Amino acid sequence: MIVITGIRTGISQGAEAATEKAIAELGVKQNCVKNSYIIKASVDARRRTNISMVYSVGLELTCNEEDAVKAANKPTVTLRSSLQTPLKLGTQKLNSRPVIVGFGPAGMFAGLLLAQNGYQPIILERGSDVDARVKAVEGFWNAAKLDTSTNVQFGEGGAGTFSDGKLTTRINDSHCDYVLRQFVRFGAPHEILYKAKPHVGTDLLRGIVKAIRQEIISLGGDIRFCSKLDNFNISEGRLRSIASGDETLRAQVLVLAVGHSARDTFELLLKKQLAMAVKPFSVGVRIEHLQSDIDQGLFGEFAGHPALGKGEYQLSHRRGDRAVYTFCMCPGGTVVPSASEQNSVVVNGMSEYARDQVNANSALVVSVDSRDFGENPLDAINFQRKLEHAAFVAGGSNYKAPAQTVGDFLKGRTGLNLGKVHPSYSIGTKAANMLDLFPQQITDMMRLGLLVFDSKIKGFAAHDAVLTGVETRTSSPVRILRNEHGESISAEGLYPCGEGAGYAGGIMSAAVDGLRIAESIMQKYAPLG
């Protein structure tokens, strides 16, 4: 396939016009084109008076494609091969089925690839299946009844199940294509294969993760919900067995895809003296605006044009060695209660595929590191816990969230003087002052960020925009150290994986890390049977 990049059209012209321009750019006749594809489509809104679409187009020709690329002689025209080098499987025999802890994106895709290649994994997930999980989560959102085992953080699909379902990533890895195609295979819309910022929404994700589970089971895998890793045994430098509830399983391979909120598992790993380290993460709040105001700020007079969709942003600013930025922006979404421990308040953002709610929200967060909490992994976890408990108290100790309008925050006063933006956090909010919740170095950066971002998107620091706290689960506070083959440096057979282990930051990168770990296992061990 020939790929032509940088094809630019007006926002009303569409993919057909992009394909015609690509054929002209290549310099071949229309009857030489056998097939055409939109590989990537994005919006260029840097000039609000002249917004355009930018495409990458794939062409298959009836004539010699290599000759056509040479004749074009342009940097925008390249030849892409679809051939992939098959993975060479290992020969070492497994004495037991591989065990995966966690059924979020990392554990799910590690399990899927292992199952597809005959390894029949056993997957332990402390939370419930997605249907029971939705009921438990809605019970918390509607009646403040928290289930500490099944919630927004724990259960089938991981924390990403209750999110916008973004499939964007900064990593450049061929595994991304596999992940996207599997998502489409299991129910995601085909457009995620070419959109620059693909998403599937929480509503579609729930069906997709269930379909992946059914595929793994059909291939001989075993998925055990409400099953937590309680212990494991290491002898002579390698894994021997694991314990879950009343059951002890012989285990030669254990994938630790536990997610960023499995604090009791982190404590178990420290007790077992696995090598771990603190890592930087970020804390802050959720900021809400009207989606229509974000659209106007990004697109100007073109706001609402069907080709543009809902406006999205990603903003950042650095002062010295500390950063403030927006994260996990949810167009047309809601701020959701996301606690996993009693007496704590945690917020996150979520959108359905349609992104049709009135508010837009994103995390507004500030980077923190060992300067803020110390060098011990437990210190980092306790830093999160302290903020979450302070938010619980500030919200009235009934899982309401502390909230403040941007105008009041910038003036340093407690206040929730609502204007056109109303908080979407379902349990309810209570007027608070974020200056009382966070250390000064964090609130100073939040203030700076609001002012800088307002210069990029007019109205970002509007006086009636709403801040809701606290956002603390942006990424794992710890890293479980591993070698170049993905194994723990402390014990053979342990494979730290995904976001909780400190090697990913979102659905896509976590899924890719799960695939890499599965491939590492497959290159070492032969399939079962």
Protein backbone atom coordinates (compact mmCIF):
# COMPACT_ATOMS: atom_id res chain seq x y z
CA MET A 1 0.00 0.00 0.00
CA ILE A 2 1.16 3.52 -0.83
CA VAL A 3 0.60 6.12 1.89
CA ILE A 4 0.22 9.81 1.04
CA THR A 5 0.34 12.14 4.05
CA GLY A 6 -0.52 15.80 4.58
CA ILE A 7 -3.57 15.89 2.31
CA ARG A 8 -5.47 19.02 3.31
CA THR A 9 -9.14 19.79 2.53
CA GLY A 10 -11.85 22.15 3.70
CA ILE A 11 -13.97 20.87 6.58
CA SER A 12 -17.00 20.37 4.30
CA GLN A 13 -15.24 18.50 1.49
CA GLY A 14 -14.86 15.09 3.11
CA ALA A 15 -12.88 11.93 2.48
CA GLU A 16 -13.71 11.67 -1.23
CA ALA A 17 -12.00 14.98 -1.94
CA ALA A 18 -8.99 13.84 0.13
CA THR A 19 -8.70 10.66 -1.95
CA GLU A 20 -8.84 12.62 -5.22
CA LYS A 21 -6.08 14.94 -3.97
CA ALA A 22 -3.98 11.94 -2.90
CA ILE A 23 -4.24 10.37 -6.37
CA ALA A 24 -3.20 13.68 -7.93
CA GLU A 25 -0.31 13.97 -5.43
CA LEU A 26 0.90 10.49 -6.42
CA GLY A 27 0.57 11.35 -10.11
CA VAL A 28 -1.24 8.26 -11.37
CA LYS A 29 -4.43 7.86 -13.37
CA GLN A 30 -7.70 7.09 -11.60
CA ASN A 31 -8.02 3.69 -13.33
CA CYS A 32 -4.70 2.58 -11.80
CA VAL A 33 -6.17 2.74 -8.29
CA LYS A 34 -7.52 -0.60 -7.06
CA ASN A 35 -8.44 0.39 -3.50
CA SER A 36 -8.25 3.52 -1.36
CA TYR A 37 -8.44 4.03 2.41
CA ILE A 38 -8.46 6.88 4.87
CA ILE A 39 -5.64 5.94 7.25
CA LYS A 40 -5.74 9.01 9.46
CA ALA A 41 -7.94 12.09 9.73
CA SER A 42 -7.44 15.08 12.00
CA VAL A 43 -8.63 18.64 12.44
CA ASP A 44 -6.22 21.58 12.12
CA ALA A 45 -7.86 24.41 14.08
CA ARG A 46 -4.74 26.47 14.76
CA ARG A 47 -6.23 29.24 12.60
CA ARG A 48 -9.85 29.59 13.69
CA THR A 49 -10.73 31.53 10.54
CA ASN A 50 -9.41 28.79 8.26
CA ILE A 51 -10.01 25.39 9.87
CA SER A 52 -9.12 22.42 7.70
CA MET A 53 -9.02 18.63 7.70
CA VAL A 54 -5.70 16.82 7.28
CA TYR A 55 -5.66 13.26 5.95
CA SER A 56 -3.29 10.39 5.35
CA VAL A 57 -4.60 8.29 2.46
CA GLY A 58 -3.69 4.72 1.51
CA LEU A 59 -3.78 3.63 -2.13
CA GLU A 60 -3.45 0.15 -3.64
CA LEU A 61 -2.57 0.16 -7.34
CA THR A 62 -3.01 -2.23 -10.24
CA CYS A 63 0.41 -1.14 -11.51
CA ASN A 64 3.79 -1.47 -9.77
CA GLU A 65 3.55 0.46 -6.48
CA GLU A 66 7.31 0.70 -5.91
CA ASP A 67 7.78 2.31 -9.34
CA ALA A 68 4.95 4.76 -8.63
CA VAL A 69 6.58 5.86 -5.35
CA LYS A 70 9.95 6.36 -7.05
CA ALA A 71 8.33 8.35 -9.86
CA ALA A 72 6.51 10.61 -7.41
CA ASN A 73 9.76 11.29 -5.51
CA LYS A 74 8.04 13.20 -2.70
CA PRO A 75 8.59 12.95 1.08
CA THR A 76 4.82 12.74 1.56
CA VAL A 77 4.61 9.53 -0.53
CA THR A 78 5.86 6.26 0.97
CA LEU A 79 5.39 2.53 0.46
CA ARG A 80 4.12 0.58 3.45
CA SER A 81 4.49 -3.19 3.68
CA SER A 82 1.83 -5.23 5.44
CA LEU A 83 4.21 -8.13 6.05
CA GLN A 84 4.94 -8.89 9.69
CA THR A 85 7.70 -11.08 11.08
CA PRO A 86 6.06 -14.01 12.91
CA LEU A 87 6.90 -14.32 16.59
CA LYS A 88 9.23 -17.19 17.36
CA LEU A 89 7.82 -19.15 20.30
CA GLY A 90 10.03 -20.45 23.07
CA THR A 91 10.82 -24.08 23.79
CA GLN A 92 10.98 -24.12 27.60
CA LYS A 93 8.06 -26.11 28.98
CA LEU A 94 5.56 -24.50 31.33
CA ASN A 95 4.68 -26.62 34.36
CA SER A 96 1.46 -24.65 34.95
CA ARG A 97 -0.86 -22.21 33.23
CA PRO A 98 0.29 -18.56 33.26
CA VAL A 99 -1.57 -16.42 35.81
CA ILE A 100 -2.53 -12.79 35.21
CA VAL A 101 -3.61 -10.52 38.06
CA GLY A 102 -5.90 -7.75 36.85
CA PHE A 103 -8.34 -7.58 33.95
CA GLY A 104 -7.81 -3.99 32.89
CA PRO A 105 -6.33 -3.15 29.46
CA ALA A 106 -2.87 -4.59 30.24
CA GLY A 107 -4.11 -7.86 31.73
CA MET A 108 -6.87 -8.15 29.14
CA PHE A 109 -4.59 -7.85 26.10
CA ALA A 110 -1.86 -10.00 27.66
CA GLY A 111 -4.53 -12.62 28.31
CA LEU A 112 -6.04 -12.28 24.84
CA LEU A 113 -2.72 -12.77 23.03
CA LEU A 114 -1.72 -15.67 25.26
CA ALA A 115 -5.11 -17.31 24.76
CA GLN A 116 -4.95 -16.83 20.99
CA ASN A 117 -1.63 -18.71 20.98
CA GLY A 118 -2.68 -21.68 23.11
CA TYR A 119 -1.39 -20.69 26.59
CA GLN A 120 -4.79 -20.89 28.38
CA PRO A 121 -4.16 -18.15 30.97
CA ILE A 122 -5.85 -17.92 34.36
CA ILE A 123 -6.89 -14.33 35.06
CA LEU A 124 -7.72 -13.09 38.57
CA GLU A 125 -9.76 -9.90 38.90
CA ARG A 126 -10.62 -8.57 42.35
CA GLY A 127 -13.74 -6.80 41.08
CA SER A 128 -16.91 -8.07 39.45
CA ASP A 129 -17.81 -8.76 35.83
CA VAL A 130 -18.89 -5.66 33.95
CA ASP A 131 -22.66 -6.13 34.43
CA ALA A 132 -22.42 -6.54 38.21
CA ARG A 133 -19.82 -3.80 38.26
CA VAL A 134 -22.13 -1.28 36.60
CA LYS A 135 -24.76 -1.98 39.27
CA ALA A 136 -22.22 -1.52 42.08
CA VAL A 137 -20.89 1.71 40.58
CA GLU A 138 -24.35 3.14 40.02
CA GLY A 139 -25.19 2.22 43.62
CA PHE A 140 -22.30 4.39 44.74
CA TRP A 141 -23.11 7.25 42.39
CA ASN A 142 -26.79 7.29 43.32
CA ALA A 143 -26.75 6.37 47.01
CA ALA A 144 -23.12 6.82 48.17
CA LYS A 145 -22.80 3.10 48.94
CA LEU A 146 -19.16 2.26 48.20
CA ASP A 147 -18.05 -1.28 47.42
CA THR A 148 -14.29 -1.31 48.00
CA SER A 149 -13.81 -4.39 45.80
CA THR A 150 -15.96 -3.37 42.83
CA ASN A 151 -15.98 0.29 41.82
CA VAL A 152 -14.64 2.70 39.20
CA GLN A 153 -11.09 1.47 39.86
CA PHE A 154 -11.66 -2.29 40.22
CA GLY A 155 -13.57 -4.73 38.03
CA GLU A 156 -13.75 -6.02 34.49
CA GLY A 157 -12.05 -3.61 32.09
CA GLY A 158 -10.17 -1.67 34.76
CA ALA A 159 -10.47 2.05 35.42
CA GLY A 160 -10.74 2.74 31.69
CA THR A 161 -14.20 1.17 31.55
CA PHE A 162 -15.59 4.27 33.27
CA SER A 163 -13.81 6.91 31.19
CA ASP A 164 -14.05 8.52 27.78
CA GLY A 165 -12.54 5.40 26.26
CA LYS A 166 -9.70 7.33 24.61
CA LEU A 167 -7.39 5.22 22.45
CA THR A 168 -4.77 7.89 21.83
CA THR A 169 -1.18 7.48 22.94
CA ARG A 170 2.18 9.19 22.56
CA ILE A 171 3.98 5.91 22.00
CA ASN A 172 4.92 4.90 18.46
CA ASP A 173 4.52 1.13 18.43
CA SER A 174 3.27 -1.32 15.83
CA HIS A 175 1.25 -3.05 18.56
CA CYS A 176 -1.17 -0.09 18.53
CA ASP A 177 -2.63 -1.28 15.24
CA TYR A 178 -3.31 -4.73 16.72
CA VAL A 179 -5.09 -3.15 19.69
CA LEU A 180 -7.29 -0.94 17.50
CA ARG A 181 -8.20 -3.80 15.18
CA GLN A 182 -9.12 -6.03 18.10
CA PHE A 183 -11.32 -3.26 19.47
CA VAL A 184 -13.10 -3.03 16.11
CA ARG A 185 -13.40 -6.80 15.94
CA PHE A 186 -15.12 -6.82 19.32
CA GLY A 187 -17.55 -3.99 18.65
CA ALA A 188 -15.84 -0.61 18.37
CA PRO A 189 -16.70 1.63 15.39
CA HIS A 190 -14.43 1.28 12.35
CA GLU A 191 -13.55 4.99 12.50
CA ILE A 192 -11.12 4.42 15.39
CA LEU A 193 -8.71 2.91 12.82
CA TYR A 194 -8.11 6.29 11.18
CA LYS A 195 -9.24 9.09 13.50
CA ALA A 196 -6.38 11.07 15.01
CA LYS A 197 -8.08 11.03 18.43
CA PRO A 198 -10.10 7.80 18.54
CA HIS A 199 -12.45 7.08 21.42
CA VAL A 200 -15.19 4.53 22.07
CA GLY A 201 -16.94 5.93 25.16
CA THR A 202 -17.80 4.15 28.36
CA ASP A 203 -21.04 2.73 26.94
CA LEU A 204 -19.37 0.89 24.05
CA LEU A 205 -16.37 -0.15 26.16
CA ARG A 206 -18.60 -2.20 28.45
CA GLY A 207 -19.71 -4.44 25.60
CA ILE A 208 -16.21 -4.67 24.13
CA VAL A 209 -14.55 -5.89 27.34
CA LYS A 210 -17.28 -8.49 27.76
CA ALA A 211 -16.70 -9.75 24.19
CA ILE A 212 -12.93 -10.00 24.80
CA ARG A 213 -13.60 -11.96 27.98
CA GLN A 214 -15.81 -14.40 26.07
CA GLU A 215 -13.09 -14.85 23.42
CA ILE A 216 -10.45 -15.66 26.04
CA ILE A 217 -12.75 -18.21 27.69
CA SER A 218 -13.60 -19.81 24.33
CA LEU A 219 -9.87 -20.33 23.75
CA GLY A 220 -9.37 -22.16 27.03
CA GLY A 221 -8.66 -19.22 29.33
CA ASP A 222 -10.17 -18.94 32.80
CA ILE A 223 -11.32 -15.57 34.19
CA ARG A 224 -12.12 -15.49 37.89
CA PHE A 225 -13.93 -12.42 39.18
CA CYS A 226 -13.98 -11.34 42.83
CA SER A 227 -10.59 -13.07 43.14
CA LYS A 228 -7.64 -11.14 44.54
CA LEU A 229 -3.96 -11.99 44.76
CA ASP A 230 -3.47 -12.55 48.49
CA ASN A 231 0.01 -14.01 48.54
CA PHE A 232 2.75 -15.61 46.46
CA ASN A 233 5.74 -17.78 47.18
CA ILE A 234 9.26 -17.18 45.89
CA SER A 235 11.94 -19.77 46.44
CA GLU A 236 15.53 -19.77 45.16
CA GLY A 237 14.89 -16.58 43.19
CA ARG A 238 11.84 -17.70 41.26
CA LEU A 239 8.08 -17.80 41.57
CA ARG A 240 6.63 -21.10 42.82
CA SER A 241 2.97 -20.54 43.70
CA ILE A 242 0.29 -17.93 44.37
CA ALA A 243 -2.64 -17.79 46.79
CA SER A 244 -6.09 -16.33 46.13
CA GLY A 245 -8.71 -16.76 48.82
CA ASP A 246 -8.64 -20.35 50.03
CA GLU A 247 -6.89 -21.62 46.88
CA THR A 248 -3.18 -22.06 46.26
CA LEU A 249 -2.12 -22.35 42.63
CA ARG A 250 1.16 -23.68 41.32
CA ALA A 251 2.57 -20.87 39.19
CA GLN A 252 5.64 -20.46 37.03
CA VAL A 253 4.52 -17.21 35.38
CA LEU A 254 2.63 -14.37 37.08
CA VAL A 255 1.72 -11.17 35.22
CA LEU A 256 1.14 -8.30 37.67
CA ALA A 257 -1.31 -6.06 35.78
CA VAL A 258 -2.88 -4.76 38.98
CA GLY A 259 -3.73 -1.16 38.02
CA HIS A 260 -2.70 2.07 39.70
CA SER A 261 -5.07 1.79 42.69
CA ALA A 262 -4.15 -1.68 44.05
CA ARG A 263 -2.54 -0.25 47.16
CA ASP A 264 -2.83 -3.42 49.23
CA THR A 265 -1.05 -5.33 46.45
CA PHE A 266 1.75 -2.76 46.43
CA GLU A 267 2.08 -3.27 50.19
CA LEU A 268 2.26 -7.05 49.66
CA LEU A 269 5.01 -6.61 47.06
CA LEU A 270 7.00 -4.41 49.43
CA LYS A 271 6.56 -6.97 52.20
CA LYS A 272 7.94 -9.61 49.83
CA GLN A 273 10.88 -7.28 49.15
CA LEU A 274 10.24 -6.88 45.44
CA ALA A 275 12.28 -4.01 44.03
CA MET A 276 10.05 -0.95 43.70
CA ALA A 277 10.57 2.80 43.47
CA VAL A 278 8.46 5.93 43.70
CA LYS A 279 7.73 7.66 40.42
CA PRO A 280 6.38 11.10 39.54
CA PHE A 281 2.64 11.46 39.10
CA SER A 282 0.18 14.35 39.23
CA VAL A 283 -2.64 15.61 41.46
CA GLY A 284 -5.27 18.29 41.13
CA VAL A 285 -8.93 18.73 40.30
CA ARG A 286 -11.48 18.33 37.54
CA ILE A 287 -12.44 21.53 35.73
CA GLU A 288 -15.84 21.83 34.03
CA HIS A 289 -17.03 24.24 31.33
CA LEU A 290 -20.00 24.22 29.01
CA GLN A 291 -19.06 22.11 26.01
CA SER A 292 -20.49 24.82 23.76
CA ASP A 293 -18.04 27.34 25.24
CA ILE A 294 -15.10 24.99 24.60
CA ASP A 295 -16.30 24.50 21.01
CA GLN A 296 -16.51 28.27 20.56
CA GLY A 297 -13.07 28.82 22.09
CA LEU A 298 -11.49 26.23 19.78
CA PHE A 299 -13.41 26.64 16.54
CA GLY A 300 -14.82 30.17 16.60
CA GLU A 301 -17.47 30.69 13.93
CA PHE A 302 -17.17 27.05 12.85
CA ALA A 303 -18.27 25.73 16.27
CA GLY A 304 -20.95 23.08 15.86
CA HIS A 305 -19.92 22.08 12.33
CA PRO A 306 -20.64 18.32 12.05
CA ALA A 307 -17.22 17.58 10.55
CA LEU A 308 -15.46 18.93 13.64
CA GLY A 309 -17.27 16.99 16.36
CA LYS A 310 -16.90 18.02 19.98
CA GLY A 311 -14.00 20.29 20.82
CA GLU A 312 -11.07 18.67 22.63
CA TYR A 313 -8.00 20.23 24.17
CA GLN A 314 -4.70 19.23 25.73
CA LEU A 315 -2.85 22.05 27.43
CA SER A 316 0.39 22.21 29.38
CA HIS A 317 2.77 24.72 30.90
CA ARG A 318 6.05 24.30 32.73
CA ARG A 319 7.71 26.54 35.30
CA GLY A 320 11.11 25.30 36.35
CA ASP A 321 10.93 21.57 37.04
CA ARG A 322 7.19 21.48 37.75
CA ALA A 323 4.37 21.20 35.20
CA VAL A 324 0.66 21.98 35.15
CA TYR A 325 -1.44 20.40 32.43
CA THR A 326 -4.83 19.07 31.43
CA PHE A 327 -5.33 15.34 31.25
CA CYS A 328 -8.06 12.91 30.17
CA MET A 329 -10.31 15.56 28.65
CA CYS A 330 -13.91 14.33 28.39
CA PRO A 331 -16.00 16.26 25.84
CA GLY A 332 -19.72 16.17 26.58
CA GLY A 333 -19.09 14.16 29.73
CA THR A 334 -19.45 14.09 33.49
CA VAL A 335 -17.25 14.15 36.58
CA VAL A 336 -17.69 10.82 38.34
CA PRO A 337 -17.16 9.63 41.95
CA SER A 338 -14.17 7.28 41.75
CA ALA A 339 -13.17 6.33 45.30
CA SER A 340 -11.98 2.81 46.05
CA GLU A 341 -11.35 3.23 49.80
CA GLN A 342 -13.70 4.20 52.60
CA ASN A 343 -13.65 7.81 53.81
CA SER A 344 -12.03 9.20 50.70
CA VAL A 345 -13.18 11.28 47.75
CA VAL A 346 -11.64 10.79 44.30
CA VAL A 347 -12.89 12.27 41.04
CA ASN A 348 -12.44 11.22 37.42
CA GLY A 349 -14.03 12.04 34.07
CA MET A 350 -16.27 9.96 31.81
CA SER A 351 -18.03 10.34 28.45
CA GLU A 352 -20.28 8.11 26.41
CA TYR A 353 -19.57 7.56 22.73
CA ALA A 354 -22.01 10.31 21.69
CA ARG A 355 -20.38 12.84 24.02
CA ASP A 356 -23.74 14.54 24.30
CA GLN A 357 -23.80 15.89 27.86
CA VAL A 358 -23.82 19.65 28.38
CA ASN A 359 -20.47 19.97 30.18
CA ALA A 360 -16.89 19.32 29.13
CA ASN A 361 -14.41 18.33 31.82
CA SER A 362 -10.75 17.49 32.18
CA ALA A 363 -8.23 16.97 34.92
CA LEU A 364 -6.28 20.12 35.80
CA VAL A 365 -3.24 18.64 37.51
CA VAL A 366 0.24 19.48 38.74
CA SER A 367 3.24 17.16 38.69
CA VAL A 368 4.55 15.90 42.03
CA ASP A 369 7.58 13.77 42.88
CA SER A 370 9.72 12.59 45.78
CA ARG A 371 10.33 16.19 46.86
CA ASP A 372 6.66 16.31 47.82
CA PHE A 373 6.29 12.94 49.57
CA GLY A 374 9.62 11.12 50.04
CA GLU A 375 11.52 8.20 48.56
CA ASN A 376 9.49 5.28 50.00
CA PRO A 377 6.68 3.92 47.80
CA LEU A 378 4.38 3.91 50.84
CA ASP A 379 5.05 7.64 51.27
CA ALA A 380 3.74 8.28 47.74
CA ILE A 381 0.60 6.22 48.41
CA ASN A 382 0.02 7.98 51.73
CA PHE A 383 0.36 11.34 49.98
CA GLN A 384 -2.56 10.37 47.75
CA ARG A 385 -4.55 9.03 50.69
CA LYS A 386 -4.06 12.23 52.69
CA LEU A 387 -5.46 14.35 49.86
CA GLU A 388 -8.39 11.98 49.31
CA HIS A 389 -9.33 11.94 53.00
CA ALA A 390 -9.04 15.74 53.20
CA ALA A 391 -11.46 15.95 50.27
CA PHE A 392 -13.82 13.55 52.05
CA VAL A 393 -13.86 15.78 55.14
CA ALA A 394 -14.19 18.98 53.09
CA GLY A 395 -17.14 17.49 51.23
CA GLY A 396 -19.00 16.78 54.47
CA SER A 397 -17.91 13.16 55.10
CA ASN A 398 -20.70 11.68 52.99
CA TYR A 399 -18.81 11.30 49.67
CA LYS A 400 -19.90 14.70 48.41
CA ALA A 401 -16.99 16.39 46.67
CA PRO A 402 -15.40 19.72 47.56
CA ALA A 403 -15.96 22.21 44.74
CA GLN A 404 -15.10 25.82 43.97
CA THR A 405 -15.68 28.16 41.07
CA VAL A 406 -12.58 29.36 39.25
CA GLY A 407 -13.32 33.00 40.09
CA ASP A 408 -13.38 32.23 43.81
CA PHE A 409 -10.26 30.07 43.54
CA LEU A 410 -8.29 32.82 41.83
CA LYS A 411 -9.38 35.26 44.56
CA GLY A 412 -8.42 32.79 47.29
CA ARG A 413 -11.83 32.52 48.90
CA THR A 414 -14.18 29.65 49.64
CA GLY A 415 -17.06 29.74 47.20
CA LEU A 416 -19.28 27.87 44.78
CA ASN A 417 -21.15 30.78 43.25
CA LEU A 418 -22.64 28.95 40.31
CA GLY A 419 -23.35 30.61 37.00
CA LYS A 420 -24.10 28.79 33.76
CA VAL A 421 -21.84 25.82 34.64
CA HIS A 422 -23.26 23.33 37.14
CA PRO A 423 -21.15 20.51 38.62
CA SER A 424 -22.00 17.07 37.26
CA TYR A 425 -20.60 15.01 40.18
CA SER A 426 -23.64 12.86 40.95
CA ILE A 427 -23.40 12.50 44.75
CA GLY A 428 -23.31 16.26 45.16
CA THR A 429 -20.78 18.96 45.96
CA LYS A 430 -19.99 21.29 48.83
CA ALA A 431 -18.39 24.73 48.63
CA ALA A 432 -14.71 24.50 49.57
CA ASN A 433 -11.37 26.20 49.11
CA MET A 434 -8.76 24.21 47.18
CA LEU A 435 -6.09 26.24 48.99
CA ASP A 436 -7.02 24.30 52.13
CA LEU A 437 -6.71 20.89 50.43
CA PHE A 438 -3.43 21.08 48.52
CA PRO A 439 0.10 22.22 49.37
CA GLN A 440 0.83 25.74 48.17
CA GLN A 441 3.24 24.63 45.44
CA ILE A 442 0.35 22.79 43.80
CA THR A 443 -2.28 25.55 44.06
CA ASP A 444 0.24 28.12 42.82
CA MET A 445 0.79 26.05 39.68
CA MET A 446 -2.95 25.52 39.24
CA ARG A 447 -3.48 29.28 39.31
CA LEU A 448 -0.70 29.82 36.80
CA GLY A 449 -2.11 27.13 34.55
CA LEU A 450 -5.59 28.65 34.55
CA LEU A 451 -4.25 32.02 33.45
CA VAL A 452 -1.92 30.59 30.79
CA PHE A 453 -4.58 28.26 29.40
CA ASP A 454 -7.10 31.10 29.26
CA SER A 455 -4.78 32.82 26.79
CA LYS A 456 -4.96 29.71 24.58
CA ILE A 457 -8.69 28.98 24.90
CA LYS A 458 -10.73 32.07 25.66
CA GLY A 459 -12.93 31.45 28.69
CA PHE A 460 -10.88 28.60 30.15
CA ALA A 461 -10.50 30.62 33.37
CA ALA A 462 -14.10 31.89 33.29
CA HIS A 463 -15.26 32.89 36.78
CA ASP A 464 -18.10 30.34 36.74
CA ALA A 465 -16.07 27.33 35.54
CA VAL A 466 -16.19 24.70 38.27
CA LEU A 467 -13.32 22.93 40.03
CA THR A 468 -14.13 19.61 41.75
CA GLY A 469 -11.60 17.70 43.85
CA VAL A 470 -9.61 15.68 44.17
CA GLU A 471 -7.98 14.02 41.16
CA THR A 472 -5.18 11.78 42.48
CA ARG A 473 -5.24 8.66 40.31
CA THR A 474 -3.65 10.11 37.17
CA SER A 475 -1.04 7.33 37.14
CA SER A 476 0.65 4.90 39.46
CA PRO A 477 2.71 6.44 42.28
CA VAL A 478 5.14 3.50 42.12
CA ARG A 479 7.17 1.50 39.61
CA ILE A 480 7.80 -2.23 40.02
CA LEU A 481 11.29 -2.60 38.61
CA ARG A 482 11.79 -5.06 35.75
CA ASN A 483 14.55 -6.06 33.32
CA GLU A 484 14.71 -5.76 29.53
CA HIS A 485 12.66 -8.97 29.17
CA GLY A 486 9.85 -7.61 31.34
CA GLU A 487 10.59 -9.77 34.39
CA SER A 488 10.92 -8.38 37.88
CA ILE A 489 14.57 -7.84 38.78
CA SER A 490 13.78 -9.53 42.10
CA ALA A 491 12.35 -12.88 40.99
CA GLU A 492 12.13 -14.98 37.84
CA GLY A 493 8.59 -15.56 36.61
CA LEU A 494 7.10 -12.27 37.88
CA TYR A 495 6.14 -9.85 35.10
CA PRO A 496 5.11 -6.33 36.27
CA CYS A 497 2.86 -4.91 33.59
CA GLY A 498 0.83 -1.89 32.60
CA GLU A 499 -0.14 1.30 34.35
CA GLY A 500 -0.09 -0.01 37.90
CA ALA A 501 3.45 -1.30 37.48
CA GLY A 502 4.51 2.14 36.25
CA TYR A 503 4.98 1.36 32.54
CA ALA A 504 1.91 2.88 30.88
CA GLY A 505 -0.49 5.80 31.08
CA GLY A 506 -3.87 5.08 29.51
CA ILE A 507 -5.87 2.38 27.77
CA MET A 508 -3.73 2.12 24.64
CA SER A 509 -0.28 2.20 26.23
CA ALA A 510 -1.40 -0.25 28.93
CA ALA A 511 -2.79 -2.64 26.31
CA VAL A 512 0.45 -2.40 24.32
CA ASP A 513 2.51 -3.14 27.43
CA GLY A 514 0.31 -6.18 28.05
CA LEU A 515 1.06 -7.41 24.52
CA ARG A 516 4.79 -6.89 24.98
CA ILE A 517 4.78 -8.86 28.22
CA ALA A 518 2.74 -11.65 26.60
CA GLU A 519 5.24 -11.80 23.73
CA SER A 520 8.13 -11.94 26.21
CA ILE A 521 6.49 -14.93 27.90
CA MET A 522 5.80 -16.59 24.56
CA GLN A 523 9.39 -16.14 23.39
CA LYS A 524 10.58 -17.96 26.49
CA TYR A 525 7.99 -20.70 26.96
CA ALA A 526 6.25 -23.11 24.62
CA PRO A 527 2.41 -23.18 24.43
CA LEU A 528 0.59 -25.56 26.71
CA GLY A 529 -0.51 -28.94 25.46
